Amino acid sequence: ALTPGTGPAVRALADLRPEALALMHGPVFRGDTTAALTELA
């Protein structure tokens, strides 16, 4: 659902600074999770 709130909501998740991203339709990502969330936003 692409709305004006989508990017900011994903950036708020980046603020959590997770150690890993457990993807439902993909692998568990360990790397620069903050950058990945920001780039997705």
PDB file of all heavy atoms in Angstrom:
ATOM      1  N   ALA A   1       0.863  -1.180   0.000  1.00  0.00           N
ATOM      2  CA  ALA A   1       0.000   0.000   0.000  1.00  0.00           C
ATOM      3  C   ALA A   1       0.903   1.235   0.000  1.00  0.00           C
ATOM      4  O   ALA A   1       1.422   1.623   1.040  1.00  0.00           O
ATOM      5  CB  ALA A   1      -0.912  -0.004   1.222  1.00  0.00           C
ATOM      6  N   LEU A   2       1.111   1.793  -1.175  1.00  0.00           N
ATOM      7  CA  LEU A   2       1.982   2.967  -1.290  1.00  0.00           C
ATOM      8  C   LEU A   2       1.183   4.220  -0.962  1.00  0.00           C
ATOM      9  O   LEU A   2       0.285   4.610  -1.700  1.00  0.00           O
ATOM     10  CB  LEU A   2       2.571   3.059  -2.697  1.00  0.00           C
ATOM     11  CG  LEU A   2       3.482   1.905  -3.102  1.00  0.00           C
ATOM     12  CD1 LEU A   2       3.895   2.037  -4.559  1.00  0.00           C
ATOM     13  CD2 LEU A   2       4.702   1.837  -2.195  1.00  0.00           C
ATOM     14  N   THR A   3       1.501   4.815   0.165  1.00  0.00           N
ATOM     15  CA  THR A   3       0.849   6.039   0.622  1.00  0.00           C
ATOM     16  C   THR A   3       1.940   6.992   1.101  1.00  0.00           C
ATOM     17  O   THR A   3       3.107   6.580   1.261  1.00  0.00           O
ATOM     18  CB  THR A   3      -0.105   5.765   1.808  1.00  0.00           C
ATOM     19  OG1 THR A   3       0.676   5.502   2.985  1.00  0.00           O
ATOM     20  CG2 THR A   3      -1.036   4.587   1.527  1.00  0.00           C
ATOM     21  N   PRO A   4       1.599   8.238   1.369  1.00  0.00           N
ATOM     22  CA  PRO A   4       2.607   9.144   1.929  1.00  0.00           C
ATOM     23  C   PRO A   4       3.164   8.670   3.274  1.00  0.00           C
ATOM     24  O   PRO A   4       4.236   9.084   3.685  1.00  0.00           O
ATOM     25  CB  PRO A   4       1.854  10.466   2.084  1.00  0.00           C
ATOM     26  CG  PRO A   4       0.773  10.404   1.051  1.00  0.00           C
ATOM     27  CD  PRO A   4       0.367   8.946   1.008  1.00  0.00           C
ATOM     28  N   GLY A   5       2.464   7.767   3.944  1.00  0.00           N
ATOM     29  CA  GLY A   5       2.933   7.262   5.231  1.00  0.00           C
ATOM     30  C   GLY A   5       3.806   6.025   5.143  1.00  0.00           C
ATOM     31  O   GLY A   5       4.397   5.616   6.151  1.00  0.00           O
ATOM     32  N   THR A   6       3.914   5.413   3.957  1.00  0.00           N
ATOM     33  CA  THR A   6       4.658   4.162   3.835  1.00  0.00           C
ATOM     34  C   THR A   6       6.139   4.348   4.146  1.00  0.00           C
ATOM     35  O   THR A   6       6.697   3.645   4.995  1.00  0.00           O
ATOM     36  CB  THR A   6       4.471   3.547   2.433  1.00  0.00           C
ATOM     37  OG1 THR A   6       3.067   3.370   2.194  1.00  0.00           O
ATOM     38  CG2 THR A   6       5.176   2.208   2.329  1.00  0.00           C
ATOM     39  N   GLY A   7       6.793   5.278   3.462  1.00  0.00           N
ATOM     40  CA  GLY A   7       8.220   5.521   3.694  1.00  0.00           C
ATOM     41  C   GLY A   7       8.523   5.868   5.141  1.00  0.00           C
ATOM     42  O   GLY A   7       9.408   5.265   5.763  1.00  0.00           O
ATOM     43  N   PRO A   8       7.791   6.823   5.730  1.00  0.00           N
ATOM     44  CA  PRO A   8       8.057   7.151   7.135  1.00  0.00           C
ATOM     45  C   PRO A   8       7.849   5.970   8.093  1.00  0.00           C
ATOM     46  O   PRO A   8       8.604   5.827   9.060  1.00  0.00           O
ATOM     47  CB  PRO A   8       7.062   8.282   7.432  1.00  0.00           C
ATOM     48  CG  PRO A   8       6.858   8.944   6.102  1.00  0.00           C
ATOM     49  CD  PRO A   8       6.896   7.802   5.105  1.00  0.00           C
ATOM     50  N   ALA A   9       6.876   5.119   7.817  1.00  0.00           N
ATOM     51  CA  ALA A   9       6.650   3.963   8.698  1.00  0.00           C
ATOM     52  C   ALA A   9       7.832   2.999   8.629  1.00  0.00           C
ATOM     53  O   ALA A   9       8.261   2.461   9.656  1.00  0.00           O
ATOM     54  CB  ALA A   9       5.356   3.245   8.312  1.00  0.00           C
ATOM     55  N   VAL A  10       8.376   2.793   7.429  1.00  0.00           N
ATOM     56  CA  VAL A  10       9.525   1.895   7.289  1.00  0.00           C
ATOM     57  C   VAL A  10      10.769   2.531   7.908  1.00  0.00           C
ATOM     58  O   VAL A  10      11.568   1.854   8.545  1.00  0.00           O
ATOM     59  CB  VAL A  10       9.742   1.505   5.809  1.00  0.00           C
ATOM     60  CG1 VAL A  10      10.987   0.653   5.649  1.00  0.00           C
ATOM     61  CG2 VAL A  10       8.515   0.758   5.272  1.00  0.00           C
ATOM     62  N   ARG A  11      10.921   3.848   7.762  1.00  0.00           N
ATOM     63  CA  ARG A  11      12.060   4.531   8.409  1.00  0.00           C
ATOM     64  C   ARG A  11      11.977   4.434   9.939  1.00  0.00           C
ATOM     65  O   ARG A  11      13.004   4.337  10.610  1.00  0.00           O
ATOM     66  CB  ARG A  11      12.124   5.985   7.969  1.00  0.00           C
ATOM     67  CG  ARG A  11      12.678   6.151   6.584  1.00  0.00           C
ATOM     68  CD  ARG A  11      12.851   7.624   6.182  1.00  0.00           C
ATOM     69  NE  ARG A  11      13.038   7.661   4.753  1.00  0.00           N
ATOM     70  CZ  ARG A  11      12.048   7.734   3.860  1.00  0.00           C
ATOM     71  NH1 ARG A  11      10.790   7.806   4.263  1.00  0.00           N
ATOM     72  NH2 ARG A  11      12.322   7.733   2.574  1.00  0.00           N
ATOM     73  N   ALA A  12      10.773   4.456  10.481  1.00  0.00           N
ATOM     74  CA  ALA A  12      10.612   4.287  11.933  1.00  0.00           C
ATOM     75  C   ALA A  12      11.092   2.900  12.360  1.00  0.00           C
ATOM     76  O   ALA A  12      11.666   2.750  13.443  1.00  0.00           O
ATOM     77  CB  ALA A  12       9.160   4.512  12.338  1.00  0.00           C
ATOM     78  N   LEU A  13      10.896   1.899  11.515  1.00  0.00           N
ATOM     79  CA  LEU A  13      11.413   0.563  11.819  1.00  0.00           C
ATOM     80  C   LEU A  13      12.936   0.560  11.799  1.00  0.00           C
ATOM     81  O   LEU A  13      13.575  -0.120  12.602  1.00  0.00           O
ATOM     82  CB  LEU A  13      10.872  -0.456  10.815  1.00  0.00           C
ATOM     83  CG  LEU A  13       9.360  -0.658  10.821  1.00  0.00           C
ATOM     84  CD1 LEU A  13       8.924  -1.511   9.638  1.00  0.00           C
ATOM     85  CD2 LEU A  13       8.897  -1.261  12.144  1.00  0.00           C
ATOM     86  N   ALA A  14      13.528   1.348  10.904  1.00  0.00           N
ATOM     87  CA  ALA A  14      14.995   1.458  10.857  1.00  0.00           C
ATOM     88  C   ALA A  14      15.533   2.027  12.162  1.00  0.00           C
ATOM     89  O   ALA A  14      16.634   1.670  12.599  1.00  0.00           O
ATOM     90  CB  ALA A  14      15.423   2.326   9.674  1.00  0.00           C
ATOM     91  N   ASP A  15      14.747   2.896  12.801  1.00  0.00           N
ATOM     92  CA  ASP A  15      15.179   3.483  14.074  1.00  0.00           C
ATOM     93  C   ASP A  15      15.348   2.438  15.172  1.00  0.00           C
ATOM     94  O   ASP A  15      16.027   2.689  16.171  1.00  0.00           O
ATOM     95  CB  ASP A  15      14.183   4.553  14.538  1.00  0.00           C
ATOM     96  CG  ASP A  15      14.201   5.798  13.664  1.00  0.00           C
ATOM     97  OD1 ASP A  15      15.181   5.993  12.908  1.00  0.00           O
ATOM     98  OD2 ASP A  15      13.220   6.568  13.727  1.00  0.00           O
ATOM     99  N   LEU A  16      14.745   1.260  14.998  1.00  0.00           N
ATOM    100  CA  LEU A  16      14.925   0.171  15.966  1.00  0.00           C
ATOM    101  C   LEU A  16      16.337  -0.397  15.926  1.00  0.00           C
ATOM    102  O   LEU A  16      16.770  -1.049  16.858  1.00  0.00           O
ATOM    103  CB  LEU A  16      13.929  -0.966  15.680  1.00  0.00           C
ATOM    104  CG  LEU A  16      12.452  -0.657  15.855  1.00  0.00           C
ATOM    105  CD1 LEU A  16      11.620  -1.802  15.281  1.00  0.00           C
ATOM    106  CD2 LEU A  16      12.131  -0.428  17.323  1.00  0.00           C
ATOM    107  N   ARG A  17      17.034  -0.204  14.819  1.00  0.00           N
ATOM    108  CA  ARG A  17      18.373  -0.745  14.589  1.00  0.00           C
ATOM    109  C   ARG A  17      18.417  -2.253  14.857  1.00  0.00           C
ATOM    110  O   ARG A  17      19.206  -2.740  15.687  1.00  0.00           O
ATOM    111  CB  ARG A  17      19.412  -0.016  15.403  1.00  0.00           C
ATOM    112  CG  ARG A  17      19.460   1.474  15.107  1.00  0.00           C
ATOM    113  CD  ARG A  17      20.741   2.114  15.578  1.00  0.00           C
ATOM    114  NE  ARG A  17      20.788   3.529  15.279  1.00  0.00           N
ATOM    115  CZ  ARG A  17      21.008   4.051  14.078  1.00  0.00           C
ATOM    116  NH1 ARG A  17      21.185   3.283  13.049  1.00  0.00           N
ATOM    117  NH2 ARG A  17      21.047   5.367  13.900  1.00  0.00           N
ATOM    118  N   PRO A  18      17.562  -3.009  14.144  1.00  0.00           N
ATOM    119  CA  PRO A  18      17.537  -4.458  14.382  1.00  0.00           C
ATOM    120  C   PRO A  18      18.849  -5.134  14.013  1.00  0.00           C
ATOM    121  O   PRO A  18      19.580  -4.661  13.143  1.00  0.00           O
ATOM    122  CB  PRO A  18      16.397  -4.944  13.497  1.00  0.00           C
ATOM    123  CG  PRO A  18      16.161  -3.869  12.504  1.00  0.00           C
ATOM    124  CD  PRO A  18      16.649  -2.590  13.096  1.00  0.00           C
ATOM    125  N   GLU A  19      19.122  -6.226  14.672  1.00  0.00           N
ATOM    126  CA  GLU A  19      20.287  -7.058  14.371  1.00  0.00           C
ATOM    127  C   GLU A  19      20.034  -7.947  13.167  1.00  0.00           C
ATOM    128  O   GLU A  19      20.968  -8.326  12.456  1.00  0.00           O
ATOM    129  CB  GLU A  19      20.640  -7.944  15.577  1.00  0.00           C
ATOM    130  CG  GLU A  19      21.096  -7.165  16.790  1.00  0.00           C
ATOM    131  CD  GLU A  19      22.454  -6.517  16.582  1.00  0.00           C
ATOM    132  OE1 GLU A  19      23.328  -7.150  15.962  1.00  0.00           O
ATOM    133  OE2 GLU A  19      22.620  -5.370  17.024  1.00  0.00           O
ATOM    134  N   ALA A  20      18.765  -8.317  12.967  1.00  0.00           N
ATOM    135  CA  ALA A  20      18.395  -9.205  11.865  1.00  0.00           C
ATOM    136  C   ALA A  20      17.001  -8.848  11.383  1.00  0.00           C
ATOM    137  O   ALA A  20      16.159  -8.368  12.151  1.00  0.00           O
ATOM    138  CB  ALA A  20      18.425 -10.663  12.312  1.00  0.00           C
ATOM    139  N   LEU A  21      16.769  -9.095  10.093  1.00  0.00           N
ATOM    140  CA  LEU A  21      15.450  -8.941   9.493  1.00  0.00           C
ATOM    141  C   LEU A  21      14.963 -10.328   9.107  1.00  0.00           C
ATOM    142  O   LEU A  21      15.550 -10.970   8.229  1.00  0.00           O
ATOM    143  CB  LEU A  21      15.518  -8.049   8.253  1.00  0.00           C
ATOM    144  CG  LEU A  21      16.060  -6.639   8.445  1.00  0.00           C
ATOM    145  CD1 LEU A  21      16.187  -5.934   7.099  1.00  0.00           C
ATOM    146  CD2 LEU A  21      15.186  -5.846   9.407  1.00  0.00           C
ATOM    147  N   ALA A  22      13.929 -10.824   9.773  1.00  0.00           N
ATOM    148  CA  ALA A  22      13.356 -12.128   9.459  1.00  0.00           C
ATOM    149  C   ALA A  22      12.275 -11.903   8.407  1.00  0.00           C
ATOM    150  O   ALA A  22      11.210 -11.371   8.699  1.00  0.00           O
ATOM    151  CB  ALA A  22      12.783 -12.785  10.707  1.00  0.00           C
ATOM    152  N   LEU A  23      12.591 -12.278   7.174  1.00  0.00           N
ATOM    153  CA  LEU A  23      11.720 -12.013   6.048  1.00  0.00           C
ATOM    154  C   LEU A  23      10.758 -13.180   5.847  1.00  0.00           C
ATOM    155  O   LEU A  23      11.185 -14.331   5.787  1.00  0.00           O
ATOM    156  CB  LEU A  23      12.553 -11.793   4.785  1.00  0.00           C
ATOM    157  CG  LEU A  23      13.756 -10.850   4.944  1.00  0.00           C
ATOM    158  CD1 LEU A  23      14.489 -10.706   3.624  1.00  0.00           C
ATOM    159  CD2 LEU A  23      13.330  -9.498   5.479  1.00  0.00           C
ATOM    160  N   MET A  24       9.469 -12.884   5.725  1.00  0.00           N
ATOM    161  CA  MET A  24       8.497 -13.954   5.536  1.00  0.00           C
ATOM    162  C   MET A  24       8.700 -14.633   4.187  1.00  0.00           C
ATOM    163  O   MET A  24       8.611 -15.846   4.084  1.00  0.00           O
ATOM    164  CB  MET A  24       7.069 -13.413   5.621  1.00  0.00           C
ATOM    165  CG  MET A  24       6.030 -14.511   5.516  1.00  0.00           C
ATOM    166  SD  MET A  24       4.320 -13.956   5.483  1.00  0.00           S
ATOM    167  CE  MET A  24       4.196 -12.910   6.896  1.00  0.00           C
ATOM    168  N   HIS A  25       8.959 -13.867   3.165  1.00  0.00           N
ATOM    169  CA  HIS A  25       9.136 -14.412   1.814  1.00  0.00           C
ATOM    170  C   HIS A  25      10.574 -14.202   1.379  1.00  0.00           C
ATOM    171  O   HIS A  25      10.861 -13.571   0.374  1.00  0.00           O
ATOM    172  CB  HIS A  25       8.171 -13.733   0.840  1.00  0.00           C
ATOM    173  CG  HIS A  25       6.740 -13.906   1.218  1.00  0.00           C
ATOM    174  ND1 HIS A  25       6.083 -15.109   1.081  1.00  0.00           N
ATOM    175  CD2 HIS A  25       5.843 -13.049   1.753  1.00  0.00           C
ATOM    176  CE1 HIS A  25       4.836 -14.969   1.497  1.00  0.00           C
ATOM    177  NE2 HIS A  25       4.674 -13.742   1.918  1.00  0.00           N
ATOM    178  N   GLY A  26      11.480 -14.726   2.160  1.00  0.00           N
ATOM    179  CA  GLY A  26      12.899 -14.581   1.869  1.00  0.00           C
ATOM    180  C   GLY A  26      13.708 -15.055   3.056  1.00  0.00           C
ATOM    181  O   GLY A  26      13.164 -15.528   4.052  1.00  0.00           O
ATOM    182  N   PRO A  27      15.016 -14.892   2.988  1.00  0.00           N
ATOM    183  CA  PRO A  27      15.886 -15.373   4.072  1.00  0.00           C
ATOM    184  C   PRO A  27      15.931 -14.402   5.249  1.00  0.00           C
ATOM    185  O   PRO A  27      15.401 -13.295   5.187  1.00  0.00           O
ATOM    186  CB  PRO A  27      17.253 -15.434   3.385  1.00  0.00           C
ATOM    187  CG  PRO A  27      17.183 -14.346   2.366  1.00  0.00           C
ATOM    188  CD  PRO A  27      15.758 -14.335   1.870  1.00  0.00           C
ATOM    189  N   VAL A  28      16.579 -14.829   6.314  1.00  0.00           N
ATOM    190  CA  VAL A  28      16.904 -13.914   7.409  1.00  0.00           C
ATOM    191  C   VAL A  28      18.126 -13.120   6.960  1.00  0.00           C
ATOM    192  O   VAL A  28      19.141 -13.694   6.559  1.00  0.00           O
ATOM    193  CB  VAL A  28      17.197 -14.677   8.719  1.00  0.00           C
ATOM    194  CG1 VAL A  28      17.709 -13.728   9.790  1.00  0.00           C
ATOM    195  CG2 VAL A  28      15.939 -15.400   9.186  1.00  0.00           C
ATOM    196  N   PHE A  29      17.986 -11.800   7.005  1.00  0.00           N
ATOM    197  CA  PHE A  29      19.063 -10.922   6.568  1.00  0.00           C
ATOM    198  C   PHE A  29      19.835 -10.423   7.774  1.00  0.00           C
ATOM    199  O   PHE A  29      19.266  -9.859   8.705  1.00  0.00           O
ATOM    200  CB  PHE A  29      18.501  -9.727   5.784  1.00  0.00           C
ATOM    201  CG  PHE A  29      19.523  -8.679   5.463  1.00  0.00           C
ATOM    202  CD1 PHE A  29      20.506  -8.919   4.514  1.00  0.00           C
ATOM    203  CD2 PHE A  29      19.505  -7.452   6.096  1.00  0.00           C
ATOM    204  CE1 PHE A  29      21.450  -7.953   4.210  1.00  0.00           C
ATOM    205  CE2 PHE A  29      20.440  -6.474   5.804  1.00  0.00           C
ATOM    206  CZ  PHE A  29      21.418  -6.730   4.854  1.00  0.00           C
ATOM    207  N   ARG A  30      21.145 -10.664   7.751  1.00  0.00           N
ATOM    208  CA  ARG A  30      22.063 -10.106   8.745  1.00  0.00           C
ATOM    209  C   ARG A  30      23.051  -9.259   7.972  1.00  0.00           C
ATOM    210  O   ARG A  30      23.746  -9.747   7.100  1.00  0.00           O
ATOM    211  CB  ARG A  30      22.791 -11.208   9.499  1.00  0.00           C
ATOM    212  CG  ARG A  30      21.903 -11.933  10.478  1.00  0.00           C
ATOM    213  CD  ARG A  30      22.771 -12.711  11.464  1.00  0.00           C
ATOM    214  NE  ARG A  30      21.989 -13.215  12.537  1.00  0.00           N
ATOM    215  CZ  ARG A  30      21.694 -12.540  13.652  1.00  0.00           C
ATOM    216  NH1 ARG A  30      22.126 -11.329  13.827  1.00  0.00           N
ATOM    217  NH2 ARG A  30      20.975 -13.091  14.604  1.00  0.00           N
ATOM    218  N   GLY A  31      23.062  -8.029   8.280  1.00  0.00           N
ATOM    219  CA  GLY A  31      23.908  -7.076   7.586  1.00  0.00           C
ATOM    220  C   GLY A  31      23.523  -5.696   8.093  1.00  0.00           C
ATOM    221  O   GLY A  31      23.091  -5.555   9.236  1.00  0.00           O
ATOM    222  N   ASP A  32      23.622  -4.711   7.249  1.00  0.00           N
ATOM    223  CA  ASP A  32      23.246  -3.352   7.638  1.00  0.00           C
ATOM    224  C   ASP A  32      21.731  -3.206   7.508  1.00  0.00           C
ATOM    225  O   ASP A  32      21.210  -2.731   6.502  1.00  0.00           O
ATOM    226  CB  ASP A  32      23.982  -2.325   6.780  1.00  0.00           C
ATOM    227  CG  ASP A  32      23.852  -0.911   7.330  1.00  0.00           C
ATOM    228  OD1 ASP A  32      22.936  -0.668   8.152  1.00  0.00           O
ATOM    229  OD2 ASP A  32      24.654  -0.054   6.931  1.00  0.00           O
ATOM    230  N   THR A  33      21.028  -3.658   8.535  1.00  0.00           N
ATOM    231  CA  THR A  33      19.565  -3.667   8.528  1.00  0.00           C
ATOM    232  C   THR A  33      18.990  -2.258   8.488  1.00  0.00           C
ATOM    233  O   THR A  33      17.963  -2.029   7.847  1.00  0.00           O
ATOM    234  CB  THR A  33      19.014  -4.420   9.746  1.00  0.00           C
ATOM    235  OG1 THR A  33      19.445  -3.760  10.937  1.00  0.00           O
ATOM    236  CG2 THR A  33      19.486  -5.875   9.760  1.00  0.00           C
ATOM    237  N   THR A  34      19.644  -1.331   9.171  1.00  0.00           N
ATOM    238  CA  THR A  34      19.163   0.047   9.179  1.00  0.00           C
ATOM    239  C   THR A  34      19.216   0.624   7.770  1.00  0.00           C
ATOM    240  O   THR A  34      18.254   1.254   7.307  1.00  0.00           O
ATOM    241  CB  THR A  34      19.997   0.895  10.161  1.00  0.00           C
ATOM    242  OG1 THR A  34      19.878   0.313  11.468  1.00  0.00           O
ATOM    243  CG2 THR A  34      19.526   2.329  10.203  1.00  0.00           C
ATOM    244  N   ALA A  35      20.314   0.400   7.071  1.00  0.00           N
ATOM    245  CA  ALA A  35      20.439   0.880   5.689  1.00  0.00           C
ATOM    246  C   ALA A  35      19.419   0.192   4.796  1.00  0.00           C
ATOM    247  O   ALA A  35      18.811   0.833   3.929  1.00  0.00           O
ATOM    248  CB  ALA A  35      21.854   0.648   5.166  1.00  0.00           C
ATOM    249  N   ALA A  36      19.200  -1.113   4.984  1.00  0.00           N
ATOM    250  CA  ALA A  36      18.241  -1.842   4.149  1.00  0.00           C
ATOM    251  C   ALA A  36      16.836  -1.278   4.328  1.00  0.00           C
ATOM    252  O   ALA A  36      16.114  -1.060   3.346  1.00  0.00           O
ATOM    253  CB  ALA A  36      18.281  -3.328   4.473  1.00  0.00           C
ATOM    254  N   LEU A  37      16.435  -1.032   5.566  1.00  0.00           N
ATOM    255  CA  LEU A  37      15.107  -0.468   5.815  1.00  0.00           C
ATOM    256  C   LEU A  37      14.996   0.939   5.231  1.00  0.00           C
ATOM    257  O   LEU A  37      13.971   1.289   4.624  1.00  0.00           O
ATOM    258  CB  LEU A  37      14.792  -0.472   7.310  1.00  0.00           C
ATOM    259  CG  LEU A  37      14.471  -1.852   7.895  1.00  0.00           C
ATOM    260  CD1 LEU A  37      14.677  -1.862   9.398  1.00  0.00           C
ATOM    261  CD2 LEU A  37      13.047  -2.267   7.529  1.00  0.00           C
ATOM    262  N   THR A  38      16.037   1.734   5.387  1.00  0.00           N
ATOM    263  CA  THR A  38      16.023   3.092   4.846  1.00  0.00           C
ATOM    264  C   THR A  38      15.946   3.071   3.318  1.00  0.00           C
ATOM    265  O   THR A  38      15.187   3.830   2.711  1.00  0.00           O
ATOM    266  CB  THR A  38      17.259   3.868   5.325  1.00  0.00           C
ATOM    267  OG1 THR A  38      17.256   3.885   6.765  1.00  0.00           O
ATOM    268  CG2 THR A  38      17.272   5.287   4.801  1.00  0.00           C
ATOM    269  N   GLU A  39      16.721   2.183   2.696  1.00  0.00           N
ATOM    270  CA  GLU A  39      16.688   2.070   1.229  1.00  0.00           C
ATOM    271  C   GLU A  39      15.332   1.572   0.744  1.00  0.00           C
ATOM    272  O   GLU A  39      14.846   2.018  -0.306  1.00  0.00           O
ATOM    273  CB  GLU A  39      17.803   1.138   0.752  1.00  0.00           C
ATOM    274  CG  GLU A  39      19.190   1.728   0.897  1.00  0.00           C
ATOM    275  CD  GLU A  39      20.287   0.708   0.600  1.00  0.00           C
ATOM    276  OE1 GLU A  39      20.059  -0.201  -0.227  1.00  0.00           O
ATOM    277  OE2 GLU A  39      21.368   0.823   1.205  1.00  0.00           O
ATOM    278  N   LEU A  40      14.714   0.653   1.481  1.00  0.00           N
ATOM    279  CA  LEU A  40      13.387   0.190   1.105  1.00  0.00           C
ATOM    280  C   LEU A  40      12.386   1.341   1.192  1.00  0.00           C
ATOM    281  O   LEU A  40      11.563   1.530   0.294  1.00  0.00           O
ATOM    282  CB  LEU A  40      12.947  -0.975   1.988  1.00  0.00           C
ATOM    283  CG  LEU A  40      11.605  -1.604   1.624  1.00  0.00           C
ATOM    284  CD1 LEU A  40      11.662  -2.255   0.241  1.00  0.00           C
ATOM    285  CD2 LEU A  40      11.187  -2.624   2.673  1.00  0.00           C
ATOM    286  N   ALA A  41      12.468   2.133   2.260  1.00  0.00           N
ATOM    287  CA  ALA A  41      11.587   3.300   2.408  1.00  0.00           C
ATOM    288  C   ALA A  41      11.788   4.268   1.245  1.00  0.00           C
ATOM    289  O   ALA A  41      10.816   4.773   0.667  1.00  0.00           O
ATOM    290  CB  ALA A  41      11.852   3.997   3.738  1.00  0.00           C
TER     291      ALA A  41
END
